[in-house]
C-alpha atoms as a PDB file:
ATOM      1  CA  UNK A   1      98.849 109.266 133.900  1.00  0.00           C
ATOM      2  CA  UNK A   2      96.115 111.735 134.900  1.00  0.00           C
ATOM      3  CA  UNK A   3      96.625 115.505 135.330  1.00  0.00           C
ATOM      4  CA  UNK A   4      94.567 117.800 137.585  1.00  0.00           C
ATOM      5  CA  UNK A   5      94.234 121.554 137.059  1.00  0.00           C
ATOM      6  CA  UNK A   6      94.198 124.282 139.760  1.00  0.00           C
ATOM      7  CA  UNK A   7      93.511 127.994 140.019  1.00  0.00           C
ATOM      8  CA  UNK A   8      96.816 129.900 139.757  1.00  0.00           C
ATOM      9  CA  UNK A   9      95.295 132.785 141.812  1.00  0.00           C
ATOM     10  CA  UNK A  10      94.847 130.481 144.820  1.00  0.00           C
ATOM     11  CA  UNK A  11      98.349 129.190 145.585  1.00  0.00           C
ATOM     12  CA  UNK A  12      98.741 126.117 147.742  1.00  0.00           C
ATOM     13  CA  UNK A  13     101.222 125.838 150.563  1.00  0.00           C
ATOM     14  CA  UNK A  14     103.688 122.976 150.595  1.00  0.00           C
ATOM     15  CA  UNK A  15     101.570 121.080 153.139  1.00  0.00           C
ATOM     16  CA  UNK A  16      98.147 122.196 151.902  1.00  0.00           C
ATOM     17  CA  UNK A  17      96.198 119.506 150.037  1.00  0.00           C
ATOM     18  CA  UNK A  18      95.178 120.316 146.493  1.00  0.00           C
ATOM     19  CA  UNK A  19      91.486 120.138 145.660  1.00  0.00           C
ATOM     20  CA  UNK A  20      90.389 116.889 144.059  1.00  0.00           C
ATOM     21  CA  UNK A  21      88.975 116.848 140.536  1.00  0.00           C
ATOM     22  CA  UNK A  22      85.193 116.634 140.172  1.00  0.00           C
ATOM     23  CA  UNK A  23      83.793 113.141 140.066  1.00  0.00           C
ATOM     24  CA  UNK A  24      82.984 113.274 136.344  1.00  0.00           C
ATOM     25  CA  UNK A  25      86.529 114.395 135.485  1.00  0.00           C
ATOM     26  CA  UNK A  26      88.002 111.703 137.682  1.00  0.00           C
ATOM     27  CA  UNK A  27      85.907 109.144 135.877  1.00  0.00           C
ATOM     28  CA  UNK A  28      87.211 110.369 132.517  1.00  0.00           C
ATOM     29  CA  UNK A  29      90.771 110.191 133.769  1.00  0.00           C
ATOM     30  CA  UNK A  30      90.365 106.525 134.551  1.00  0.00           C
ATOM     31  CA  UNK A  31      88.411 105.629 131.407  1.00  0.00           C
ATOM     32  CA  UNK A  32      90.054 102.992 129.162  1.00  0.00           C
ATOM     33  CA  UNK A  33      92.446 104.526 126.656  1.00  0.00           C
ATOM     34  CA  UNK A  34      94.643 103.349 123.816  1.00  0.00           C
ATOM     35  CA  UNK A  35      98.453 103.446 123.796  1.00  0.00           C
ATOM     36  CA  UNK A  36      98.347 107.123 122.801  1.00  0.00           C
ATOM     37  CA  UNK A  37      96.141 108.038 125.752  1.00  0.00           C
ATOM     38  CA  UNK A  38      93.030 108.556 123.618  1.00  0.00           C
ATOM     39  CA  UNK A  39      89.782 107.334 125.174  1.00  0.00           C
ATOM     40  CA  UNK A  40      88.060 104.396 123.478  1.00  0.00           C
ATOM     41  CA  UNK A  41      84.638 105.681 124.536  1.00  0.00           C
ATOM     42  CA  UNK A  42      82.637 107.243 121.730  1.00  0.00           C
ATOM     43  CA  UNK A  43      84.689 105.728 118.926  1.00  0.00           C
ATOM     44  CA  UNK A  44      83.047 104.010 115.986  1.00  0.00           C
ATOM     45  CA  UNK A  45      85.008 100.767 115.950  1.00  0.00           C
ATOM     46  CA  UNK A  46      84.398  98.671 112.850  1.00  0.00           C
ATOM     47  CA  UNK A  47      84.322  94.909 113.283  1.00  0.00           C
ATOM     48  CA  UNK A  48      87.318  92.943 112.056  1.00  0.00           C
ATOM     49  CA  UNK A  49      86.306  91.524 108.647  1.00  0.00           C
ATOM     50  CA  UNK A  50      88.719  88.626 109.174  1.00  0.00           C
ATOM     51  CA  UNK A  51      87.658  87.593 112.686  1.00  0.00           C
ATOM     52  CA  UNK A  52      87.454  83.828 112.938  1.00  0.00           C
ATOM     53  CA  UNK A  53      89.672  83.422 109.872  1.00  0.00           C
ATOM     54  CA  UNK A  54      91.308  79.991 109.820  1.00  0.00           C
ATOM     55  CA  UNK A  55      94.150  81.104 107.550  1.00  0.00           C
ATOM     56  CA  UNK A  56      93.204  78.527 104.944  1.00  0.00           C
ATOM     57  CA  UNK A  57      92.546  79.254 101.278  1.00  0.00           C
ATOM     58  CA  UNK A  58      89.101  80.070  99.958  1.00  0.00           C
ATOM     59  CA  UNK A  59      87.837  76.745  98.617  1.00  0.00           C
ATOM     60  CA  UNK A  60      86.420  78.149  95.367  1.00  0.00           C
ATOM     61  CA  UNK A  61      89.597  80.100  94.613  1.00  0.00           C
ATOM     62  CA  UNK A  62      91.861  77.150  95.334  1.00  0.00           C
ATOM     63  CA  UNK A  63      89.726  74.864  93.161  1.00  0.00           C
ATOM     64  CA  UNK A  64      89.879  77.354  90.278  1.00  0.00           C
ATOM     65  CA  UNK A  65      93.659  77.694  90.572  1.00  0.00           C
ATOM     66  CA  UNK A  66      94.088  73.924  90.654  1.00  0.00           C
ATOM     67  CA  UNK A  67      91.960  73.622  87.523  1.00  0.00           C
ATOM     68  CA  UNK A  68      94.221  76.049  85.636  1.00  0.00           C
ATOM     69  CA  UNK A  69      97.261  74.047  86.733  1.00  0.00           C
ATOM     70  CA  UNK A  70      95.654  70.953  85.189  1.00  0.00           C
ATOM     71  CA  UNK A  71      94.371  72.684  82.014  1.00  0.00           C
ATOM     72  CA  UNK A  72      96.611  75.750  81.557  1.00  0.00           C
ATOM     73  CA  UNK A  73      95.374  76.494  78.030  1.00  0.00           C
ATOM     74  CA  UNK A  74      91.674  76.533  78.895  1.00  0.00           C
ATOM     75  CA  UNK A  75      90.544  80.188  78.842  1.00  0.00           C
ATOM     76  CA  UNK A  76      87.417  79.387  80.865  1.00  0.00           C
ATOM     77  CA  UNK A  77      89.618  78.073  83.683  1.00  0.00           C
ATOM     78  CA  UNK A  78      91.570  81.342  83.699  1.00  0.00           C
ATOM     79  CA  UNK A  79      88.348  83.330  83.838  1.00  0.00           C
ATOM     80  CA  UNK A  80      87.103  81.224  86.736  1.00  0.00           C
ATOM     81  CA  UNK A  81      90.138  82.184  88.818  1.00  0.00           C
ATOM     82  CA  UNK A  82      89.323  85.878  88.364  1.00  0.00           C
ATOM     83  CA  UNK A  83      85.675  85.210  89.205  1.00  0.00           C
ATOM     84  CA  UNK A  84      86.575  83.251  92.347  1.00  0.00           C
ATOM     85  CA  UNK A  85      89.041  85.959  93.375  1.00  0.00           C
ATOM     86  CA  UNK A  86      86.225  88.485  93.796  1.00  0.00           C
ATOM     87  CA  UNK A  87      85.588  89.037  97.489  1.00  0.00           C
ATOM     88  CA  UNK A  88      88.229  86.518  98.543  1.00  0.00           C
ATOM     89  CA  UNK A  89      90.593  87.129 101.444  1.00  0.00           C
ATOM     90  CA  UNK A  90      94.260  86.985 100.528  1.00  0.00           C
ATOM     91  CA  UNK A  91      97.455  87.354 102.537  1.00  0.00           C
ATOM     92  CA  UNK A  92     100.129  89.906 101.740  1.00  0.00           C
ATOM     93  CA  UNK A  93     103.685  88.936 102.791  1.00  0.00           C
ATOM     94  CA  UNK A  94     105.304  91.580 105.002  1.00  0.00           C
ATOM     95  CA  UNK A  95     109.000  91.446 105.909  1.00  0.00           C
ATOM     96  CA  UNK A  96     111.338  93.702 107.942  1.00  0.00           C
ATOM     97  CA  UNK A  97     113.228  96.258 105.866  1.00  0.00           C
ATOM     98  CA  UNK A  98     116.345  97.926 107.295  1.00  0.00           C
ATOM     99  CA  UNK A  99     116.275 101.724 107.000  1.00  0.00           C
ATOM    100  CA  UNK A 100     119.547 102.613 108.714  1.00  0.00           C
ATOM    101  CA  UNK A 101     122.662 100.670 109.688  1.00  0.00           C
ATOM    102  CA  UNK A 102     125.941 101.476 111.390  1.00  0.00           C
ATOM    103  CA  UNK A 103     129.094  99.621 112.386  1.00  0.00           C
ATOM    104  CA  UNK A 104     129.273  99.101 116.136  1.00  0.00           C
ATOM    105  CA  UNK A 105     132.328  99.161 118.409  1.00  0.00           C
ATOM    106  CA  UNK A 106     132.812  95.441 117.870  1.00  0.00           C
ATOM    107  CA  UNK A 107     132.982  95.961 114.114  1.00  0.00           C
ATOM    108  CA  UNK A 108     129.635  94.285 113.470  1.00  0.00           C
ATOM    109  CA  UNK A 109     126.862  95.865 111.446  1.00  0.00           C
ATOM    110  CA  UNK A 110     123.895  96.916 113.583  1.00  0.00           C
ATOM    111  CA  UNK A 111     120.414  98.003 112.502  1.00  0.00           C
ATOM    112  CA  UNK A 112     119.461 101.430 113.826  1.00  0.00           C
ATOM    113  CA  UNK A 113     115.938 101.425 112.430  1.00  0.00           C
ATOM    114  CA  UNK A 114     113.703  99.256 110.310  1.00  0.00           C
ATOM    115  CA  UNK A 115     110.102  99.007 109.195  1.00  0.00           C
ATOM    116  CA  UNK A 116     107.793  96.351 107.829  1.00  0.00           C
ATOM    117  CA  UNK A 117     107.400  96.412 104.058  1.00  0.00           C
ATOM    118  CA  UNK A 118     105.366  94.439 101.569  1.00  0.00           C
ATOM    119  CA  UNK A 119     107.397  92.121  99.364  1.00  0.00           C
ATOM    120  CA  UNK A 120     107.754  93.017  95.678  1.00  0.00           C
ATOM    121  CA  UNK A 121     109.087  90.559  93.120  1.00  0.00           C
ATOM    122  CA  UNK A 122     110.588  90.948  89.659  1.00  0.00           C
ATOM    123  CA  UNK A 123     109.168  89.011  86.739  1.00  0.00           C
ATOM    124  CA  UNK A 124     111.405  87.438  84.113  1.00  0.00           C
ATOM    125  CA  UNK A 125     110.769  90.388  81.777  1.00  0.00           C
ATOM    126  CA  UNK A 126     111.924  92.847  84.454  1.00  0.00           C
ATOM    127  CA  UNK A 127     108.510  94.133  85.491  1.00  0.00           C
ATOM    128  CA  UNK A 128     107.528  94.446  89.129  1.00  0.00           C
ATOM    129  CA  UNK A 129     105.225  91.736  90.418  1.00  0.00           C
ATOM    130  CA  UNK A 130     103.120  91.813  93.592  1.00  0.00           C
ATOM    131  CA  UNK A 131     102.695  88.495  95.441  1.00  0.00           C
ATOM    132  CA  UNK A 132      99.494  87.473  97.179  1.00  0.00           C
ATOM    133  CA  UNK A 133      98.663  84.218  98.921  1.00  0.00           C
ATOM    134  CA  UNK A 134      95.427  82.287  99.176  1.00  0.00           C
ATOM    135  CA  UNK A 135      96.273  81.166 102.713  1.00  0.00           C
ATOM    136  CA  UNK A 136      98.934  81.143 105.413  1.00  0.00           C
ATOM    137  CA  UNK A 137     100.414  77.681 104.614  1.00  0.00           C
ATOM    138  CA  UNK A 138     101.562  78.578 101.057  1.00  0.00           C
ATOM    139  CA  UNK A 139     102.929  81.912 102.327  1.00  0.00           C
ATOM    140  CA  UNK A 140     105.053  80.393 105.090  1.00  0.00           C
ATOM    141  CA  UNK A 141     106.212  77.639 102.732  1.00  0.00           C
ATOM    142  CA  UNK A 142     107.406  80.349 100.337  1.00  0.00           C
ATOM    143  CA  UNK A 143     109.034  82.635 102.945  1.00  0.00           C
ATOM    144  CA  UNK A 144     109.215  81.429 106.546  1.00  0.00           C
ATOM    145  CA  UNK A 145     110.128  84.881 107.903  1.00  0.00           C
ATOM    146  CA  UNK A 146     107.301  86.754 106.179  1.00  0.00           C
ATOM    147  CA  UNK A 147     104.408  88.000 108.280  1.00  0.00           C
ATOM    148  CA  UNK A 148     101.000  87.155 106.761  1.00  0.00           C
ATOM    149  CA  UNK A 149      98.690  90.171 106.694  1.00  0.00           C
ATOM    150  CA  UNK A 150      95.086  89.499 105.625  1.00  0.00           C
ATOM    151  CA  UNK A 151      93.758  91.758 102.898  1.00  0.00           C
ATOM    152  CA  UNK A 152      90.779  91.826 100.564  1.00  0.00           C
ATOM    153  CA  UNK A 153      91.705  90.689  97.058  1.00  0.00           C
ATOM    154  CA  UNK A 154      90.386  93.917  95.551  1.00  0.00           C
ATOM    155  CA  UNK A 155      92.580  96.012  97.851  1.00  0.00           C
ATOM    156  CA  UNK A 156      95.680  93.969  97.062  1.00  0.00           C
ATOM    157  CA  UNK A 157      95.195  94.256  93.293  1.00  0.00           C
ATOM    158  CA  UNK A 158      94.301  97.944  93.477  1.00  0.00           C
ATOM    159  CA  UNK A 159      97.366  98.577  95.635  1.00  0.00           C
ATOM    160  CA  UNK A 160      99.527  96.820  93.058  1.00  0.00           C
ATOM    161  CA  UNK A 161      98.113  99.029  90.301  1.00  0.00           C
ATOM    162  CA  UNK A 162      98.707 102.177  92.354  1.00  0.00           C
ATOM    163  CA  UNK A 163     102.301 101.029  92.943  1.00  0.00           C
ATOM    164  CA  UNK A 164     102.676 100.619  89.145  1.00  0.00           C
ATOM    165  CA  UNK A 165     103.043  96.875  89.481  1.00  0.00           C
ATOM    166  CA  UNK A 166     101.658  95.295  86.295  1.00  0.00           C
ATOM    167  CA  UNK A 167     101.493  91.738  87.604  1.00  0.00           C
ATOM    168  CA  UNK A 168     100.078  89.947  90.636  1.00  0.00           C
ATOM    169  CA  UNK A 169     101.167  86.372  91.311  1.00  0.00           C
ATOM    170  CA  UNK A 170      98.972  84.193  93.487  1.00  0.00           C
ATOM    171  CA  UNK A 171     100.739  81.562  95.608  1.00  0.00           C
ATOM    172  CA  UNK A 172     104.197  81.893  93.984  1.00  0.00           C
ATOM    173  CA  UNK A 173     106.157  78.674  94.168  1.00  0.00           C
ATOM    174  CA  UNK A 174     103.076  76.501  94.588  1.00  0.00           C
ATOM    175  CA  UNK A 175     101.888  73.970  92.011  1.00  0.00           C
ATOM    176  CA  UNK A 176      98.667  75.949  91.634  1.00  0.00           C
ATOM    177  CA  UNK A 177     100.389  79.334  91.226  1.00  0.00           C
ATOM    178  CA  UNK A 178      98.575  81.784  88.957  1.00  0.00           C
ATOM    179  CA  UNK A 179      99.775  84.993  87.303  1.00  0.00           C
ATOM    180  CA  UNK A 180      97.245  87.806  87.131  1.00  0.00           C
ATOM    181  CA  UNK A 181      98.331  90.094  84.297  1.00  0.00           C
ATOM    182  CA  UNK A 182      97.694  93.789  83.695  1.00  0.00           C
ATOM    183  CA  UNK A 183      94.490  93.484  81.578  1.00  0.00           C
ATOM    184  CA  UNK A 184      92.976  91.031  84.066  1.00  0.00           C
ATOM    185  CA  UNK A 185      93.979  93.263  86.995  1.00  0.00           C
ATOM    186  CA  UNK A 186      92.255  96.325  85.539  1.00  0.00           C
ATOM    187  CA  UNK A 187      89.142  94.350  84.601  1.00  0.00           C
ATOM    188  CA  UNK A 188      89.030  92.827  88.091  1.00  0.00           C
ATOM    189  CA  UNK A 189      89.121  96.090  90.056  1.00  0.00           C
ATOM    190  CA  UNK A 190      86.520  97.585  87.685  1.00  0.00           C
ATOM    191  CA  UNK A 191      84.255  94.513  87.959  1.00  0.00           C
ATOM    192  CA  UNK A 192      84.407  94.096  84.178  1.00  0.00           C
ATOM    193  CA  UNK A 193      84.438  90.809  82.252  1.00  0.00           C
ATOM    194  CA  UNK A 194      87.844  89.608  81.116  1.00  0.00           C
ATOM    195  CA  UNK A 195      89.045  87.155  78.481  1.00  0.00           C
ATOM    196  CA  UNK A 196      92.690  86.146  77.943  1.00  0.00           C
ATOM    197  CA  UNK A 197      94.008  87.897  74.842  1.00  0.00           C
ATOM    198  CA  UNK A 198      94.847  84.581  73.197  1.00  0.00           C
ATOM    199  CA  UNK A 199      91.172  83.580  73.381  1.00  0.00           C
ATOM    200  CA  UNK A 200      89.652  87.004  72.704  1.00  0.00           C
ATOM    201  CA  UNK A 201      87.787  87.147  69.369  1.00  0.00           C
ATOM    202  CA  UNK A 202      88.107  90.935  69.225  1.00  0.00           C
ATOM    203  CA  UNK A 203      91.897  90.727  69.566  1.00  0.00           C
ATOM    204  CA  UNK A 204      92.094  88.200  66.725  1.00  0.00           C
ATOM    205  CA  UNK A 205      89.819  90.321  64.546  1.00  0.00           C
ATOM    206  CA  UNK A 206      91.823  93.525  65.055  1.00  0.00           C
ATOM    207  CA  UNK A 207      95.089  91.710  64.348  1.00  0.00           C
ATOM    208  CA  UNK A 208      93.655  90.281  61.124  1.00  0.00           C
ATOM    209  CA  UNK A 209      92.610  93.790  60.098  1.00  0.00           C
ATOM    210  CA  UNK A 210      96.181  94.991  60.611  1.00  0.00           C
ATOM    211  CA  UNK A 211      97.535  92.006  58.667  1.00  0.00           C
ATOM    212  CA  UNK A 212      95.393  92.857  55.640  1.00  0.00           C
ATOM    213  CA  UNK A 213      97.374  96.065  55.172  1.00  0.00           C
ATOM    214  CA  UNK A 214     100.760  94.306  55.293  1.00  0.00           C
ATOM    215  CA  UNK A 215     101.759  93.201  51.756  1.00  0.00           C
ATOM    216  CA  UNK A 216     104.433  90.686  52.805  1.00  0.00           C
ATOM    217  CA  UNK A 217     102.146  88.918  55.283  1.00  0.00           C
ATOM    218  CA  UNK A 218     100.281  85.879  53.925  1.00  0.00           C
ATOM    219  CA  UNK A 219      98.447  84.940  57.117  1.00  0.00           C
ATOM    220  CA  UNK A 220      98.349  85.584  60.857  1.00  0.00           C
ATOM    221  CA  UNK A 221      97.530  83.379  63.816  1.00  0.00           C
ATOM    222  CA  UNK A 222      97.190  83.875  67.568  1.00  0.00           C
ATOM    223  CA  UNK A 223      97.813  81.456  70.417  1.00  0.00           C
ATOM    224  CA  UNK A 224      98.900  81.444  74.071  1.00  0.00           C
ATOM    225  CA  UNK A 225     102.403  82.840  74.455  1.00  0.00           C
ATOM    226  CA  UNK A 226     103.576  79.591  76.050  1.00  0.00           C
ATOM    227  CA  UNK A 227     102.236  76.300  77.371  1.00  0.00           C
ATOM    228  CA  UNK A 228     102.611  77.699  80.892  1.00  0.00           C
ATOM    229  CA  UNK A 229     101.006  81.064  80.200  1.00  0.00           C
ATOM    230  CA  UNK A 230      99.419  80.961  83.678  1.00  0.00           C
ATOM    231  CA  UNK A 231     102.880  81.126  85.260  1.00  0.00           C
ATOM    232  CA  UNK A 232     104.859  83.578  83.142  1.00  0.00           C
ATOM    233  CA  UNK A 233     106.318  84.436  79.773  1.00  0.00           C
ATOM    234  CA  UNK A 234     104.540  86.422  77.065  1.00  0.00           C
ATOM    235  CA  UNK A 235     100.761  86.250  77.234  1.00  0.00           C
ATOM    236  CA  UNK A 236     100.039  86.219  73.510  1.00  0.00           C
ATOM    237  CA  UNK A 237     101.814  84.450  70.685  1.00  0.00           C
ATOM    238  CA  UNK A 238     101.439  85.891  67.169  1.00  0.00           C
ATOM    239  CA  UNK A 239     102.461  83.738  64.221  1.00  0.00           C
ATOM    240  CA  UNK A 240     103.164  85.590  60.981  1.00  0.00           C
ATOM    241  CA  UNK A 241     103.030  83.419  57.879  1.00  0.00           C
ATOM    242  CA  UNK A 242     105.264  84.683  55.056  1.00  0.00           C
ATOM    243  CA  UNK A 243     105.916  83.385  51.533  1.00  0.00           C
ATOM    244  CA  UNK A 244     109.242  85.136  50.995  1.00  0.00           C
ATOM    245  CA  UNK A 245     111.979  86.928  52.875  1.00  0.00           C
ATOM    246  CA  UNK A 246     110.681  89.792  54.981  1.00  0.00           C
ATOM    247  CA  UNK A 247     112.235  93.196  54.192  1.00  0.00           C
ATOM    248  CA  UNK A 248     114.418  94.601  57.007  1.00  0.00           C
ATOM    249  CA  UNK A 249     112.490  96.502  59.666  1.00  0.00           C
ATOM    250  CA  UNK A 250     109.063  95.261  58.583  1.00  0.00           C
ATOM    251  CA  UNK A 251     108.485  93.096  61.645  1.00  0.00           C
ATOM    252  CA  UNK A 252     109.378  96.035  63.886  1.00  0.00           C
ATOM    253  CA  UNK A 253     106.914  98.228  61.980  1.00  0.00           C
ATOM    254  CA  UNK A 254     104.237  95.578  62.468  1.00  0.00           C
ATOM    255  CA  UNK A 255     104.943  95.599  66.206  1.00  0.00           C
ATOM    256  CA  UNK A 256     104.683  99.393  66.279  1.00  0.00           C
ATOM    257  CA  UNK A 257     101.325  99.237  64.512  1.00  0.00           C
ATOM    258  CA  UNK A 258     100.014  96.803  67.110  1.00  0.00           C
ATOM    259  CA  UNK A 259     101.416  98.956  69.935  1.00  0.00           C
ATOM    260  CA  UNK A 260      99.652 101.981  68.451  1.00  0.00           C
ATOM    261  CA  UNK A 261      96.222 100.362  68.751  1.00  0.00           C
ATOM    262  CA  UNK A 262      94.867 101.432  72.152  1.00  0.00           C
ATOM    263  CA  UNK A 263      92.247  98.685  72.244  1.00  0.00           C
ATOM    264  CA  UNK A 264      94.876  96.003  71.649  1.00  0.00           C
ATOM    265  CA  UNK A 265      97.204  97.512  74.239  1.00  0.00           C
ATOM    266  CA  UNK A 266      94.391  97.393  76.801  1.00  0.00           C
ATOM    267  CA  UNK A 267      93.721  93.721  76.087  1.00  0.00           C
ATOM    268  CA  UNK A 268      97.243  92.333  75.545  1.00  0.00           C
ATOM    269  CA  UNK A 269      99.692  92.140  78.432  1.00  0.00           C
ATOM    270  CA  UNK A 270     102.725  91.029  76.428  1.00  0.00           C
ATOM    271  CA  UNK A 271     103.394  89.243  73.162  1.00  0.00           C
ATOM    272  CA  UNK A 272     105.917  87.236  71.197  1.00  0.00           C
ATOM    273  CA  UNK A 273     106.087  87.178  67.381  1.00  0.00           C
ATOM    274  CA  UNK A 274     107.192  84.197  65.340  1.00  0.00           C
ATOM    275  CA  UNK A 275     107.760  84.018  61.566  1.00  0.00           C
ATOM    276  CA  UNK A 276     106.935  80.853  59.619  1.00  0.00           C
ATOM    277  CA  UNK A 277     107.107  80.076  55.920  1.00  0.00           C
ATOM    278  CA  UNK A 278     103.852  79.106  54.222  1.00  0.00           C
END
């Protein structure tokens, strides 16, 4: 709706025509505008980075995820997923979230207001987990009511970190699902190399150094936390070999020593300790 100004010192009679706006103003009034009435002209509109997107998964990323599903204990396969994730387009699942409800005259609950919100999951250890999907088909298979919103992989992972989510799960529910853990997430957004803690030589070396100062510990070993470490559970398994009964509280003190090493904390997402007799 256009508005024309007039001089308040020159009143118009009820039958007197008002002066028309100048031609240039009239042109502006009829220029294309957005829903808020703001003219499109002069705006710097960035091209849609996802124009022409088919909604299918990035081939390199999907191949890397399938390889991990086939060889879940191959650290190189895990690293390849993170490499393939760089620059890939993902989909974030968005669902309606009710903000306000009231009981209507018929006794039924009615939604007064709602908004779209990104889905957050809870991992088996209680931590928040952010889902991301390689394509639209795995997203709709997982949640038929979710709206797929395209997003750069770096933005999705960085958003998860900012939301204090320590895990990102790619294609949850699919056979090729992959869990991106905290150390991998931080390395990814910083474009730094990453190695799973159970295959990291520096992690093993620092743990051996700690073990040397523990008198009741005969040997120490590291391994993946489970055979499906790409899906969940603890990331790192630590085996403590003992020759006799361990004094009460010693295992807890060992855990505290590991937790006090900042370098280990940065490299290890989660761990499980097992005692064995040697």
